[in-house]
Amino acid sequence: MLNELLYGSGEPRLPLLTGDEARALVILLGALEEVAPSEGVRLAAGDMRFRIGSRLA
């Protein structure tokens, strides 16, 4: 699902987020990861943050 949010379906893959938007999302996911009420939400936020961050590198 994350890939569908970041890229349009089909080829060629077009980014749906700009680099600045992706960086802002990584920051927001980090904040969510720290304060989320459940372990599942924390794990999902951390996973999405890692995946987006690795695409930015």
N, C-alpha and C. Protein backbone atom coordinates (compact mmCIF):
# COMPACT_ATOMS: atom_id res chain seq x y z
N MET A 1 0.81 -1.19 0.00
CA MET A 1 0.00 0.00 0.00
C MET A 1 0.86 1.25 0.00
N LEU A 2 1.97 1.24 0.72
CA LEU A 2 2.84 2.40 0.75
C LEU A 2 3.35 2.73 -0.64
N ASN A 3 3.70 1.70 -1.40
CA ASN A 3 4.17 1.95 -2.77
C ASN A 3 3.10 2.63 -3.60
N GLU A 4 1.85 2.27 -3.40
CA GLU A 4 0.76 2.91 -4.14
C GLU A 4 0.59 4.36 -3.73
N LEU A 5 0.87 4.68 -2.46
CA LEU A 5 0.79 6.07 -2.02
C LEU A 5 1.93 6.91 -2.58
N LEU A 6 3.12 6.30 -2.64
CA LEU A 6 4.28 7.04 -3.11
C LEU A 6 4.37 7.12 -4.62
N TYR A 7 3.87 6.10 -5.30
CA TYR A 7 4.00 6.03 -6.75
C TYR A 7 2.66 5.64 -7.36
N GLY A 8 2.39 6.15 -8.52
CA GLY A 8 1.17 5.78 -9.23
C GLY A 8 1.23 4.33 -9.65
N SER A 9 0.10 3.73 -9.85
CA SER A 9 0.09 2.33 -10.28
C SER A 9 0.50 2.25 -11.74
N GLY A 10 1.12 1.16 -12.10
CA GLY A 10 1.58 0.97 -13.47
C GLY A 10 2.96 1.56 -13.69
N GLU A 11 3.47 1.38 -14.86
CA GLU A 11 4.79 1.87 -15.23
C GLU A 11 4.65 2.97 -16.25
N PRO A 12 5.50 3.94 -16.34
CA PRO A 12 6.56 4.19 -15.37
C PRO A 12 6.01 4.71 -14.06
N ARG A 13 6.76 4.50 -13.01
CA ARG A 13 6.32 4.91 -11.68
C ARG A 13 6.57 6.40 -11.52
N LEU A 14 5.52 7.12 -11.23
CA LEU A 14 5.61 8.56 -11.04
C LEU A 14 5.44 8.89 -9.56
N PRO A 15 6.34 9.67 -9.00
CA PRO A 15 6.20 10.02 -7.58
C PRO A 15 4.92 10.83 -7.34
N LEU A 16 4.19 10.48 -6.30
CA LEU A 16 3.01 11.25 -5.92
C LEU A 16 3.35 12.27 -4.85
N LEU A 17 4.55 12.14 -4.26
CA LEU A 17 5.02 13.08 -3.26
C LEU A 17 6.31 13.72 -3.76
N THR A 18 6.47 15.01 -3.48
CA THR A 18 7.74 15.66 -3.77
C THR A 18 8.73 15.27 -2.68
N GLY A 19 9.99 15.55 -2.88
CA GLY A 19 11.00 15.26 -1.87
C GLY A 19 10.72 15.98 -0.56
N ASP A 20 10.30 17.24 -0.64
CA ASP A 20 9.99 18.00 0.57
C ASP A 20 8.79 17.40 1.30
N GLU A 21 7.78 16.98 0.57
CA GLU A 21 6.60 16.36 1.19
C GLU A 21 6.98 15.04 1.85
N ALA A 22 7.83 14.27 1.21
CA ALA A 22 8.26 12.99 1.78
C ALA A 22 9.05 13.22 3.06
N ARG A 23 9.92 14.23 3.09
CA ARG A 23 10.68 14.54 4.30
C ARG A 23 9.75 14.96 5.44
N ALA A 24 8.76 15.78 5.12
CA ALA A 24 7.79 16.21 6.13
C ALA A 24 7.02 15.00 6.66
N LEU A 25 6.66 14.09 5.78
CA LEU A 25 5.94 12.89 6.19
C LEU A 25 6.80 12.02 7.10
N VAL A 26 8.09 11.92 6.82
CA VAL A 26 9.00 11.16 7.67
C VAL A 26 9.04 11.76 9.08
N ILE A 27 9.05 13.08 9.17
CA ILE A 27 9.06 13.75 10.48
C ILE A 27 7.76 13.46 11.22
N LEU A 28 6.63 13.57 10.52
CA LEU A 28 5.34 13.30 11.16
C LEU A 28 5.21 11.85 11.60
N LEU A 29 5.70 10.93 10.79
CA LEU A 29 5.66 9.52 11.16
C LEU A 29 6.54 9.25 12.38
N GLY A 30 7.67 9.96 12.49
CA GLY A 30 8.53 9.82 13.65
C GLY A 30 7.82 10.27 14.92
N ALA A 31 7.09 11.38 14.82
CA ALA A 31 6.33 11.87 15.97
C ALA A 31 5.23 10.87 16.33
N LEU A 32 4.55 10.34 15.34
CA LEU A 32 3.50 9.35 15.59
C LEU A 32 4.07 8.10 16.23
N GLU A 33 5.23 7.70 15.77
CA GLU A 33 5.88 6.50 16.30
C GLU A 33 6.17 6.66 17.81
N GLU A 34 6.49 7.87 18.24
CA GLU A 34 6.80 8.12 19.65
C GLU A 34 5.57 8.14 20.54
N VAL A 35 4.43 8.61 20.02
CA VAL A 35 3.26 8.83 20.90
C VAL A 35 2.07 7.93 20.60
N ALA A 36 2.20 7.03 19.66
CA ALA A 36 1.07 6.17 19.28
C ALA A 36 0.63 5.31 20.47
N PRO A 37 -0.68 5.16 20.63
CA PRO A 37 -1.19 4.41 21.77
C PRO A 37 -1.00 2.90 21.69
N SER A 38 -0.82 2.37 20.48
CA SER A 38 -0.70 0.92 20.36
C SER A 38 0.60 0.53 19.66
N GLU A 39 1.06 -0.66 19.98
CA GLU A 39 2.29 -1.17 19.39
C GLU A 39 2.17 -1.33 17.88
N GLY A 40 0.99 -1.75 17.41
CA GLY A 40 0.79 -1.92 15.97
C GLY A 40 0.95 -0.63 15.20
N VAL A 41 0.43 0.45 15.73
CA VAL A 41 0.56 1.76 15.08
C VAL A 41 2.03 2.20 15.09
N ARG A 42 2.70 2.00 16.21
CA ARG A 42 4.12 2.36 16.30
C ARG A 42 4.95 1.59 15.28
N LEU A 43 4.69 0.30 15.16
CA LEU A 43 5.44 -0.52 14.21
C LEU A 43 5.16 -0.09 12.76
N ALA A 44 3.90 0.17 12.45
CA ALA A 44 3.55 0.60 11.09
C ALA A 44 4.17 1.95 10.76
N ALA A 45 4.13 2.88 11.71
CA ALA A 45 4.73 4.20 11.48
C ALA A 45 6.23 4.08 11.27
N GLY A 46 6.88 3.25 12.08
CA GLY A 46 8.32 3.05 11.93
C GLY A 46 8.67 2.41 10.60
N ASP A 47 7.87 1.44 10.18
CA ASP A 47 8.10 0.78 8.90
C ASP A 47 7.93 1.76 7.73
N MET A 48 6.87 2.53 7.77
CA MET A 48 6.66 3.51 6.69
C MET A 48 7.76 4.57 6.68
N ARG A 49 8.16 5.01 7.87
CA ARG A 49 9.23 6.00 7.95
C ARG A 49 10.52 5.46 7.36
N PHE A 50 10.84 4.19 7.66
CA PHE A 50 12.04 3.57 7.11
C PHE A 50 11.96 3.47 5.59
N ARG A 51 10.82 3.02 5.09
CA ARG A 51 10.67 2.82 3.65
C ARG A 51 10.76 4.14 2.88
N ILE A 52 10.12 5.17 3.40
CA ILE A 52 10.20 6.48 2.74
C ILE A 52 11.61 7.03 2.83
N GLY A 53 12.20 6.92 4.02
CA GLY A 53 13.57 7.41 4.20
C GLY A 53 14.57 6.73 3.29
N SER A 54 14.40 5.44 3.07
CA SER A 54 15.34 4.72 2.19
C SER A 54 15.17 5.16 0.74
N ARG A 55 13.97 5.57 0.37
CA ARG A 55 13.77 6.07 -1.00
C ARG A 55 14.34 7.48 -1.17
N LEU A 56 14.42 8.23 -0.09
CA LEU A 56 14.97 9.58 -0.14
C LEU A 56 16.49 9.57 -0.22
N ALA A 57 17.10 8.52 0.30
CA ALA A 57 18.57 8.46 0.35
C ALA A 57 19.19 8.30 -1.01
